[in-house]
Amino acid sequence: MRIIALGTGTSQGIPMIGCKCPVCQSSDPQDNRLRSSLYVETEKTKVLIDIGPDFRTQFLSNGLDTVDMVLITHEHNDHMIGLDDIRSINFTQKKSIPIYAERRVADELRGRFAYAFNTRIQGLPKVDLIHIDENFAFQDNDINIKPVRIMHGRLPILAYRLNDLSYVTDASYIDEVGMEVLSDSKVLIINALRIDPHPTHFNLDTALEVIEKLNPEKAYLTHISHAMGKTKEWSKLLPDNVFPLIDGMQINI
């Protein structure tokens, strides 16, 4: 399995428009972060987790042009508003792309992209919405996919376990059932918004506490805001098996 970090930032990315803080003004490319998204590739299957506003740029910059399915974590714009650009892949692959999302999230997609579901119009995104929840485990070729219930503040959203990879973004709480599913991964990717506490996301301390309990071989921090500080500085605080996820980083399992 090859994992590509397409984006590792929050809803506004880094640099933020108009922000003059040291992180947003940093010349270190490790401090530049597009909106969070992950690409997972095996010999037989290519999976995209979340399709945000930077999807086109992310695929072009990483030399990608195919995807077999899209998994959506939740309905916030930074995780699904790039749907329109999937039509380029429709053209090259000559097929519709299945998108797996909770019914509530699928309804949001239908509302925001109502034109895409008008089958009488040509040249539009072609997707098949498949409703899932935390009980909808399935297999696609050589990938076992397990949605996992987590909480984003008061909003129930999904994390995903794909074979030995666990991907958690925008979480602020994981119950015992979710912890059990996500535990003992070879690679865990989990959100850590900033140093200070936040009501709807893990901060650095809480993310590290969860990592310790989940006991992965390696963990990577994502969905990082400019409030975390410069990557080279806060990464010094991490345990030996925990690393900052960087845009464009590739991880092999």
C-alpha atoms as a PDB file:
ATOM      1  CA  MET A   1       0.000   0.000   0.000  1.00  0.00           C
ATOM      2  CA  ARG A   2       1.240   3.459  -0.951  1.00  0.00           C
ATOM      3  CA  ILE A   3      -0.189   6.460   0.911  1.00  0.00           C
ATOM      4  CA  ILE A   4       0.118   9.988  -0.477  1.00  0.00           C
ATOM      5  CA  ALA A   5      -0.689  13.002   1.690  1.00  0.00           C
ATOM      6  CA  LEU A   6      -2.498  15.238  -0.790  1.00  0.00           C
ATOM      7  CA  GLY A   7      -3.198  17.888   1.840  1.00  0.00           C
ATOM      8  CA  THR A   8      -2.561  18.230   5.559  1.00  0.00           C
ATOM      9  CA  GLY A   9      -4.072  21.612   6.459  1.00  0.00           C
ATOM     10  CA  THR A  10      -7.318  22.897   7.887  1.00  0.00           C
ATOM     11  CA  SER A  11     -10.293  24.464   6.129  1.00  0.00           C
ATOM     12  CA  GLN A  12      -8.339  27.623   5.257  1.00  0.00           C
ATOM     13  CA  GLY A  13      -5.022  25.974   4.464  1.00  0.00           C
ATOM     14  CA  ILE A  14      -1.586  27.455   5.117  1.00  0.00           C
ATOM     15  CA  PRO A  15      -0.827  30.178   4.228  1.00  0.00           C
ATOM     16  CA  MET A  16      -4.197  31.705   5.061  1.00  0.00           C
ATOM     17  CA  ILE A  17      -5.371  34.537   2.853  1.00  0.00           C
ATOM     18  CA  GLY A  18      -4.330  37.856   4.386  1.00  0.00           C
ATOM     19  CA  CYS A  19      -2.501  36.347   7.369  1.00  0.00           C
ATOM     20  CA  LYS A  20       0.920  37.812   8.225  1.00  0.00           C
ATOM     21  CA  CYS A  21       1.843  35.385  11.023  1.00  0.00           C
ATOM     22  CA  PRO A  22       5.296  33.724  10.952  1.00  0.00           C
ATOM     23  CA  VAL A  23       3.812  30.396   9.805  1.00  0.00           C
ATOM     24  CA  CYS A  24       1.844  31.859   6.918  1.00  0.00           C
ATOM     25  CA  GLN A  25       4.893  33.910   5.907  1.00  0.00           C
ATOM     26  CA  SER A  26       7.290  30.961   6.298  1.00  0.00           C
ATOM     27  CA  SER A  27       9.628  30.060   3.435  1.00  0.00           C
ATOM     28  CA  ASP A  28       9.797  26.447   4.664  1.00  0.00           C
ATOM     29  CA  PRO A  29       7.730  24.282   2.260  1.00  0.00           C
ATOM     30  CA  GLN A  30       6.814  22.032   5.206  1.00  0.00           C
ATOM     31  CA  ASP A  31       4.651  24.899   6.489  1.00  0.00           C
ATOM     32  CA  ASN A  32       2.581  25.082   3.284  1.00  0.00           C
ATOM     33  CA  ARG A  33      -0.548  22.972   3.662  1.00  0.00           C
ATOM     34  CA  LEU A  34      -3.473  22.384   1.311  1.00  0.00           C
ATOM     35  CA  ARG A  35      -6.818  21.173   2.655  1.00  0.00           C
ATOM     36  CA  SER A  36      -6.690  17.656   4.142  1.00  0.00           C
ATOM     37  CA  SER A  37      -7.060  14.714   1.774  1.00  0.00           C
ATOM     38  CA  LEU A  38      -5.425  11.307   1.377  1.00  0.00           C
ATOM     39  CA  TYR A  39      -4.738   9.020  -1.577  1.00  0.00           C
ATOM     40  CA  VAL A  40      -4.301   5.302  -0.952  1.00  0.00           C
ATOM     41  CA  GLU A  41      -3.038   3.011  -3.696  1.00  0.00           C
ATOM     42  CA  THR A  42      -2.569  -0.755  -3.859  1.00  0.00           C
ATOM     43  CA  GLU A  43      -1.872  -2.999  -6.830  1.00  0.00           C
ATOM     44  CA  LYS A  44      -5.581  -3.211  -7.626  1.00  0.00           C
ATOM     45  CA  THR A  45      -7.348  -0.262  -5.994  1.00  0.00           C
ATOM     46  CA  LYS A  46      -6.968   3.517  -5.781  1.00  0.00           C
ATOM     47  CA  VAL A  47      -8.895   5.278  -3.027  1.00  0.00           C
ATOM     48  CA  LEU A  48      -9.355   8.986  -2.357  1.00  0.00           C
ATOM     49  CA  ILE A  49     -10.387  10.050   1.137  1.00  0.00           C
ATOM     50  CA  ASP A  50     -12.172  13.411   0.941  1.00  0.00           C
ATOM     51  CA  ILE A  51     -12.315  15.619  -2.130  1.00  0.00           C
ATOM     52  CA  GLY A  52     -11.832  19.204  -1.024  1.00  0.00           C
ATOM     53  CA  PRO A  53     -11.331  22.529  -2.817  1.00  0.00           C
ATOM     54  CA  ASP A  54      -7.677  21.742  -3.651  1.00  0.00           C
ATOM     55  CA  PHE A  55      -8.431  18.418  -5.362  1.00  0.00           C
ATOM     56  CA  ARG A  56      -7.384  19.524  -8.864  1.00  0.00           C
ATOM     57  CA  THR A  57      -4.106  21.027  -7.656  1.00  0.00           C
ATOM     58  CA  GLN A  58      -3.386  18.005  -5.459  1.00  0.00           C
ATOM     59  CA  PHE A  59      -3.839  15.492  -8.265  1.00  0.00           C
ATOM     60  CA  LEU A  60      -1.796  17.507 -10.746  1.00  0.00           C
ATOM     61  CA  SER A  61       1.079  18.190  -8.357  1.00  0.00           C
ATOM     62  CA  ASN A  62       1.317  14.518  -7.386  1.00  0.00           C
ATOM     63  CA  GLY A  63       1.048  13.193 -10.937  1.00  0.00           C
ATOM     64  CA  LEU A  64      -2.227  11.376 -10.264  1.00  0.00           C
ATOM     65  CA  ASP A  65      -5.031  10.820 -12.767  1.00  0.00           C
ATOM     66  CA  THR A  66      -7.130   7.860 -11.609  1.00  0.00           C
ATOM     67  CA  VAL A  67      -9.318   6.913  -8.670  1.00  0.00           C
ATOM     68  CA  ASP A  68     -11.605   3.933  -8.120  1.00  0.00           C
ATOM     69  CA  MET A  69     -13.632   5.293  -5.218  1.00  0.00           C
ATOM     70  CA  VAL A  70     -14.003   8.288  -2.918  1.00  0.00           C
ATOM     71  CA  LEU A  71     -14.618   7.991   0.815  1.00  0.00           C
ATOM     72  CA  ILE A  72     -16.090  11.080   2.490  1.00  0.00           C
ATOM     73  CA  THR A  73     -15.552  11.766   6.187  1.00  0.00           C
ATOM     74  CA  HIS A  74     -18.175  14.514   6.567  1.00  0.00           C
ATOM     75  CA  GLU A  75     -20.016  17.349   4.867  1.00  0.00           C
ATOM     76  CA  HIS A  76     -17.845  20.379   5.613  1.00  0.00           C
ATOM     77  CA  ASN A  77     -16.722  22.148   2.446  1.00  0.00           C
ATOM     78  CA  ASP A  78     -13.019  21.477   2.908  1.00  0.00           C
ATOM     79  CA  HIS A  79     -13.766  17.757   2.683  1.00  0.00           C
ATOM     80  CA  MET A  80     -16.119  17.529  -0.314  1.00  0.00           C
ATOM     81  CA  ILE A  81     -16.457  20.756  -2.302  1.00  0.00           C
ATOM     82  CA  GLY A  82     -14.010  19.629  -5.022  1.00  0.00           C
ATOM     83  CA  LEU A  83     -16.494  17.129  -6.425  1.00  0.00           C
ATOM     84  CA  ASP A  84     -16.957  18.956  -9.739  1.00  0.00           C
ATOM     85  CA  ASP A  85     -13.347  18.317 -10.770  1.00  0.00           C
ATOM     86  CA  ILE A  86     -13.863  14.567 -10.701  1.00  0.00           C
ATOM     87  CA  ARG A  87     -15.402  14.865 -14.159  1.00  0.00           C
ATOM     88  CA  SER A  88     -11.876  14.978 -15.637  1.00  0.00           C
ATOM     89  CA  ILE A  89     -11.381  11.486 -14.247  1.00  0.00           C
ATOM     90  CA  ASN A  90     -14.793  10.475 -15.600  1.00  0.00           C
ATOM     91  CA  PHE A  91     -13.571  11.494 -19.058  1.00  0.00           C
ATOM     92  CA  THR A  92     -10.308   9.527 -18.887  1.00  0.00           C
ATOM     93  CA  GLN A  93     -11.674   6.438 -17.114  1.00  0.00           C
ATOM     94  CA  LYS A  94     -14.969   6.514 -19.025  1.00  0.00           C
ATOM     95  CA  LYS A  95     -16.985   5.490 -15.981  1.00  0.00           C
ATOM     96  CA  SER A  96     -18.850   6.851 -13.005  1.00  0.00           C
ATOM     97  CA  ILE A  97     -17.006   7.030  -9.666  1.00  0.00           C
ATOM     98  CA  PRO A  98     -18.586   5.554  -6.514  1.00  0.00           C
ATOM     99  CA  ILE A  99     -18.647   7.931  -3.570  1.00  0.00           C
ATOM    100  CA  TYR A 100     -19.199   6.422  -0.126  1.00  0.00           C
ATOM    101  CA  ALA A 101     -20.752   8.753   2.445  1.00  0.00           C
ATOM    102  CA  GLU A 102     -23.288   8.784   5.241  1.00  0.00           C
ATOM    103  CA  ARG A 103     -26.851   9.456   4.069  1.00  0.00           C
ATOM    104  CA  ARG A 104     -26.819  12.905   5.671  1.00  0.00           C
ATOM    105  CA  VAL A 105     -23.597  13.756   3.857  1.00  0.00           C
ATOM    106  CA  ALA A 106     -24.848  12.320   0.571  1.00  0.00           C
ATOM    107  CA  ASP A 107     -27.920  14.543   0.850  1.00  0.00           C
ATOM    108  CA  GLU A 108     -25.611  17.545   1.267  1.00  0.00           C
ATOM    109  CA  LEU A 109     -23.708  16.523  -1.858  1.00  0.00           C
ATOM    110  CA  ARG A 110     -26.962  16.267  -3.805  1.00  0.00           C
ATOM    111  CA  GLY A 111     -27.973  19.709  -2.581  1.00  0.00           C
ATOM    112  CA  ARG A 112     -24.711  21.505  -3.267  1.00  0.00           C
ATOM    113  CA  PHE A 113     -24.185  19.778  -6.616  1.00  0.00           C
ATOM    114  CA  ALA A 114     -27.769  19.372  -7.761  1.00  0.00           C
ATOM    115  CA  TYR A 115     -26.791  19.931 -11.395  1.00  0.00           C
ATOM    116  CA  ALA A 116     -24.441  16.917 -11.267  1.00  0.00           C
ATOM    117  CA  PHE A 117     -27.383  14.594 -10.704  1.00  0.00           C
ATOM    118  CA  ASN A 118     -29.322  15.791 -13.764  1.00  0.00           C
ATOM    119  CA  THR A 119     -28.734  12.859 -16.087  1.00  0.00           C
ATOM    120  CA  ARG A 120     -30.034  14.755 -19.101  1.00  0.00           C
ATOM    121  CA  ILE A 121     -27.069  17.148 -19.147  1.00  0.00           C
ATOM    122  CA  GLN A 122     -23.747  16.055 -20.655  1.00  0.00           C
ATOM    123  CA  GLY A 123     -20.250  16.879 -19.398  1.00  0.00           C
ATOM    124  CA  LEU A 124     -21.112  16.831 -15.693  1.00  0.00           C
ATOM    125  CA  PRO A 125     -19.505  14.869 -12.856  1.00  0.00           C
ATOM    126  CA  LYS A 126     -20.646  11.252 -12.888  1.00  0.00           C
ATOM    127  CA  VAL A 127     -20.770   9.711  -9.442  1.00  0.00           C
ATOM    128  CA  ASP A 128     -22.700   6.959  -7.712  1.00  0.00           C
ATOM    129  CA  LEU A 129     -23.573   7.849  -4.135  1.00  0.00           C
ATOM    130  CA  ILE A 130     -23.463   4.861  -1.796  1.00  0.00           C
ATOM    131  CA  HIS A 131     -24.834   5.351   1.711  1.00  0.00           C
ATOM    132  CA  ILE A 132     -22.708   3.965   4.535  1.00  0.00           C
ATOM    133  CA  ASP A 133     -22.357   4.204   8.289  1.00  0.00           C
ATOM    134  CA  GLU A 134     -20.054   2.787  10.949  1.00  0.00           C
ATOM    135  CA  ASN A 135     -21.608  -0.647  10.426  1.00  0.00           C
ATOM    136  CA  PHE A 136     -20.911  -0.758   6.684  1.00  0.00           C
ATOM    137  CA  ALA A 137     -17.602  -2.622   6.383  1.00  0.00           C
ATOM    138  CA  PHE A 138     -16.762  -3.813   2.875  1.00  0.00           C
ATOM    139  CA  GLN A 139     -13.952  -5.059   0.670  1.00  0.00           C
ATOM    140  CA  ASP A 140     -12.845  -3.764  -2.706  1.00  0.00           C
ATOM    141  CA  ASN A 141     -10.291  -6.022  -4.366  1.00  0.00           C
ATOM    142  CA  ASP A 142      -7.313  -6.008  -1.980  1.00  0.00           C
ATOM    143  CA  ILE A 143      -8.518  -3.340   0.483  1.00  0.00           C
ATOM    144  CA  ASN A 144     -10.727  -3.997   3.494  1.00  0.00           C
ATOM    145  CA  ILE A 145     -12.551  -0.780   4.384  1.00  0.00           C
ATOM    146  CA  LYS A 146     -14.099  -0.141   7.771  1.00  0.00           C
ATOM    147  CA  PRO A 147     -15.858   3.184   8.531  1.00  0.00           C
ATOM    148  CA  VAL A 148     -15.441   4.220  12.161  1.00  0.00           C
ATOM    149  CA  ARG A 149     -17.729   6.525  14.144  1.00  0.00           C
ATOM    150  CA  ILE A 150     -15.929   9.518  15.664  1.00  0.00           C
ATOM    151  CA  MET A 151     -17.125  12.896  16.915  1.00  0.00           C
ATOM    152  CA  HIS A 152     -16.238  16.319  15.489  1.00  0.00           C
ATOM    153  CA  GLY A 153     -17.492  18.409  18.380  1.00  0.00           C
ATOM    154  CA  ARG A 154     -21.219  17.514  18.370  1.00  0.00           C
ATOM    155  CA  LEU A 155     -21.177  16.321  14.757  1.00  0.00           C
ATOM    156  CA  PRO A 156     -20.918  12.555  14.203  1.00  0.00           C
ATOM    157  CA  ILE A 157     -18.493  11.890  11.345  1.00  0.00           C
ATOM    158  CA  LEU A 158     -16.450   8.985   9.991  1.00  0.00           C
ATOM    159  CA  ALA A 159     -12.865   7.890  10.255  1.00  0.00           C
ATOM    160  CA  TYR A 160     -11.660   4.966   8.134  1.00  0.00           C
ATOM    161  CA  ARG A 161      -9.519   1.897   8.568  1.00  0.00           C
ATOM    162  CA  LEU A 162      -8.071   0.493   5.327  1.00  0.00           C
ATOM    163  CA  ASN A 163      -6.092  -2.691   5.999  1.00  0.00           C
ATOM    164  CA  ASP A 164      -3.248  -1.560   8.277  1.00  0.00           C
ATOM    165  CA  LEU A 165      -3.899   2.165   7.778  1.00  0.00           C
ATOM    166  CA  SER A 166      -6.175   4.182  10.069  1.00  0.00           C
ATOM    167  CA  TYR A 167      -7.180   7.709   9.015  1.00  0.00           C
ATOM    168  CA  VAL A 168      -8.802  10.089  11.497  1.00  0.00           C
ATOM    169  CA  THR A 169      -9.489  13.709  10.657  1.00  0.00           C
ATOM    170  CA  ASP A 170     -11.488  16.456  12.411  1.00  0.00           C
ATOM    171  CA  ALA A 171     -11.959  14.316  15.508  1.00  0.00           C
ATOM    172  CA  SER A 172     -12.446  15.570  19.043  1.00  0.00           C
ATOM    173  CA  TYR A 173     -13.595  12.264  20.578  1.00  0.00           C
ATOM    174  CA  ILE A 174     -13.418   8.535  19.804  1.00  0.00           C
ATOM    175  CA  ASP A 175     -15.444   6.075  21.872  1.00  0.00           C
ATOM    176  CA  GLU A 176     -14.289   2.635  23.012  1.00  0.00           C
ATOM    177  CA  VAL A 177     -15.726   0.862  19.970  1.00  0.00           C
ATOM    178  CA  GLY A 178     -13.927   3.204  17.592  1.00  0.00           C
ATOM    179  CA  MET A 179     -10.693   2.924  19.560  1.00  0.00           C
ATOM    180  CA  GLU A 180     -10.816  -0.852  19.259  1.00  0.00           C
ATOM    181  CA  VAL A 181     -11.243  -0.743  15.477  1.00  0.00           C
ATOM    182  CA  LEU A 182      -8.433   1.792  15.035  1.00  0.00           C
ATOM    183  CA  SER A 183      -5.956   0.191  17.418  1.00  0.00           C
ATOM    184  CA  ASP A 184      -2.681  -1.495  16.473  1.00  0.00           C
ATOM    185  CA  SER A 185      -2.437  -0.080  12.954  1.00  0.00           C
ATOM    186  CA  LYS A 186       0.876  -0.039  11.165  1.00  0.00           C
ATOM    187  CA  VAL A 187       0.174   3.576  10.231  1.00  0.00           C
ATOM    188  CA  LEU A 188      -2.199   5.956  12.014  1.00  0.00           C
ATOM    189  CA  ILE A 189      -2.889   9.407  10.559  1.00  0.00           C
ATOM    190  CA  ILE A 190      -4.746  11.636  13.010  1.00  0.00           C
ATOM    191  CA  ASN A 191      -5.680  15.288  13.301  1.00  0.00           C
ATOM    192  CA  ALA A 192      -3.923  17.732  15.623  1.00  0.00           C
ATOM    193  CA  LEU A 193      -5.181  21.249  15.014  1.00  0.00           C
ATOM    194  CA  ARG A 194      -2.959  23.346  17.258  1.00  0.00           C
ATOM    195  CA  ILE A 195      -1.158  23.516  20.610  1.00  0.00           C
ATOM    196  CA  ASP A 196      -4.040  25.065  22.584  1.00  0.00           C
ATOM    197  CA  PRO A 197      -7.259  23.095  23.258  1.00  0.00           C
ATOM    198  CA  HIS A 198     -10.093  23.343  20.731  1.00  0.00           C
ATOM    199  CA  PRO A 199     -13.780  22.399  21.142  1.00  0.00           C
ATOM    200  CA  THR A 200     -14.128  20.371  17.912  1.00  0.00           C
ATOM    201  CA  HIS A 201     -10.635  19.029  17.135  1.00  0.00           C
ATOM    202  CA  PHE A 202      -7.851  17.230  18.930  1.00  0.00           C
ATOM    203  CA  ASN A 203      -5.008  19.541  19.854  1.00  0.00           C
ATOM    204  CA  LEU A 204      -1.427  18.293  20.053  1.00  0.00           C
ATOM    205  CA  ASP A 205      -1.678  16.927  23.600  1.00  0.00           C
ATOM    206  CA  THR A 206      -4.970  15.093  23.083  1.00  0.00           C
ATOM    207  CA  ALA A 207      -3.810  13.672  19.747  1.00  0.00           C
ATOM    208  CA  LEU A 208      -0.680  12.286  21.422  1.00  0.00           C
ATOM    209  CA  GLU A 209      -2.800  10.778  24.208  1.00  0.00           C
ATOM    210  CA  VAL A 210      -4.989   8.993  21.645  1.00  0.00           C
ATOM    211  CA  ILE A 211      -1.943   7.809  19.711  1.00  0.00           C
ATOM    212  CA  GLU A 212      -0.495   6.252  22.842  1.00  0.00           C
ATOM    213  CA  LYS A 213      -3.740   4.362  23.476  1.00  0.00           C
ATOM    214  CA  LEU A 214      -4.112   3.209  19.857  1.00  0.00           C
ATOM    215  CA  ASN A 215      -0.525   1.931  19.785  1.00  0.00           C
ATOM    216  CA  PRO A 216       0.308   2.195  16.062  1.00  0.00           C
ATOM    217  CA  GLU A 217       3.758   1.330  14.723  1.00  0.00           C
ATOM    218  CA  LYS A 218       3.952   4.876  13.361  1.00  0.00           C
ATOM    219  CA  ALA A 219       1.646   7.889  13.643  1.00  0.00           C
ATOM    220  CA  TYR A 220       1.432  11.055  11.558  1.00  0.00           C
ATOM    221  CA  LEU A 221      -0.303  14.305  12.471  1.00  0.00           C
ATOM    222  CA  THR A 222      -2.553  16.050   9.954  1.00  0.00           C
ATOM    223  CA  HIS A 223      -5.266  18.743   9.672  1.00  0.00           C
ATOM    224  CA  ILE A 224      -2.819  21.263  11.109  1.00  0.00           C
ATOM    225  CA  SER A 225      -3.496  24.989  11.381  1.00  0.00           C
ATOM    226  CA  HIS A 226      -1.119  27.924  11.417  1.00  0.00           C
ATOM    227  CA  ALA A 227      -1.821  28.204  15.152  1.00  0.00           C
ATOM    228  CA  MET A 228       0.305  25.082  15.684  1.00  0.00           C
ATOM    229  CA  GLY A 229       3.445  27.062  14.851  1.00  0.00           C
ATOM    230  CA  LYS A 230       6.289  26.239  12.485  1.00  0.00           C
ATOM    231  CA  THR A 231       6.620  22.557  11.701  1.00  0.00           C
ATOM    232  CA  LYS A 232      10.319  22.335  12.534  1.00  0.00           C
ATOM    233  CA  GLU A 233       9.606  23.738  15.998  1.00  0.00           C
ATOM    234  CA  TRP A 234       6.578  21.724  17.148  1.00  0.00           C
ATOM    235  CA  SER A 235       7.837  18.500  15.588  1.00  0.00           C
ATOM    236  CA  LYS A 236      10.636  18.520  18.209  1.00  0.00           C
ATOM    237  CA  LEU A 237       7.946  17.810  20.826  1.00  0.00           C
ATOM    238  CA  LEU A 238       6.878  14.517  19.239  1.00  0.00           C
ATOM    239  CA  PRO A 239       7.680  10.982  20.462  1.00  0.00           C
ATOM    240  CA  ASP A 240      10.026   8.869  18.350  1.00  0.00           C
ATOM    241  CA  ASN A 241       7.235   7.101  16.447  1.00  0.00           C
ATOM    242  CA  VAL A 242       5.140  10.230  15.729  1.00  0.00           C
ATOM    243  CA  PHE A 243       5.802  12.548  12.789  1.00  0.00           C
ATOM    244  CA  PRO A 244       4.265  15.580  11.108  1.00  0.00           C
ATOM    245  CA  LEU A 245       2.441  14.695   7.908  1.00  0.00           C
ATOM    246  CA  ILE A 246       3.659  16.943   5.101  1.00  0.00           C
ATOM    247  CA  ASP A 247       1.906  17.714   1.803  1.00  0.00           C
ATOM    248  CA  GLY A 248       3.176  15.326  -0.843  1.00  0.00           C
ATOM    249  CA  MET A 249       4.670  12.893   1.672  1.00  0.00           C
ATOM    250  CA  GLN A 250       4.505   9.235   0.625  1.00  0.00           C
ATOM    251  CA  ILE A 251       4.290   6.370   3.116  1.00  0.00           C
ATOM    252  CA  ASN A 252       4.577   2.705   2.172  1.00  0.00           C
ATOM    253  CA  ILE A 253       3.104  -0.152   4.173  1.00  0.00           C
END
